[in-house]
């Protein structure tokens, strides 16, 4: 038996979280959270190629918080199986002899990080076209095969997740951790691998200008990857808090602006022309909503690293005609008029593929990541951990993790 946090289906709690969450955030980690601490059986190894992993550290991601708080789109409801143990940003220790994603042997006791995508290989299926081309993050078979539906480890009832004392992973998911990489850096490899994917999807032209809206973990790692892996020139980052602004600069930002100053900062950096829509009369503005300013000109590439309506709206309105908008945060609804009028290319980026984990491991070794993991909690203090993660930016924290080994 093992201790684990389990997310379960509760329509009343989901509805309450969506309705009250923004006004009463304490409920999201209190009595309305569809999460419980349980003692449950360890997930068994049922098929060849799988091995048991004991998590050491497991991160709390924005997508995890989205599920807990009811803000995730119902689009994903068919792509998970409940109840499941969350946690897909994992550094752990192998409890069985195994092989890694390339077929190299991994003896028991090896530290590993996990590519969470449960693609065709993990499901015992012949490769779909996406997997055959190496784009396993776009696998067409995440609901079939000999594993229950689940787009990733941490969203599948069969595999367990990092918020538990044990999980199972397929060899295609396993990447060994170098001896000189600490657990605190290794747990960041998966989110950095996602940033590597983003940098490649951004297709930044040589010397191009980039706007990154958001300076939480997603935005900061995006800034790091864009600076290190692309030929970007000026990178402007929108940061709400002082600690985020400092880290953005250390990760490669040329300019940092507050949300209120975002348009002005992009305008200065790109010499764009500001256009302000005509204001509506008071009653009409309350009914229709005010239209924000936009730029004629702007950055070559805009990155939404938040997933809020305001962030996406800012990016759409500050990217030049014919430019590229990359959705990295799980997207919210927004007015798409700029995409139509300015012929913007809108690109999603999800998880990672190819050699992203190897590249991310190199970045994790050399980047200024000391102190990025700013909170570590045992599983039984899960309410404190989720509350900390929910307020991470305001508290000067980038990444909050569960220390699964700790009982303190």
Foldseek 3Di string as FASTA:
>chain_A
DWKAKWAFDDVVLLVCLVVCCVPCVLVLLPDSFSIDIDDDDAQDDDDPQKFKWFFQKFWDDPVNSCVRSNNDDCVCVLQFDPGAGATQLTWTFTQAWHAALVRHTDHGGFIWTWQFACAQVNQVHDFDPCVVVFNRLPHPAQPDHPFHGHRTRRRGHRFHHNRMRMGMDGRSTIDTADPLFDRLLSSCLQLLLLLLQVLVVQPAPAQFEEEEEEQFQNSLSVLLNNQPPHNHRAYEYAAADDLSQVSSVLSHHPYYHHLVCLLVVQCVVWVWDKDADDFDPDVVCVVPNGDGIATATATQEYEYRAQDQSSVQSRLRHHYQQHEYEYEDVHDDYDCVSCVVSVYHYYYGDGHTDCSSVVSSVCSSPGPCVCQAPEEAESVVVSVQSVCVVCVSVVSHRIYIYRPVDPD
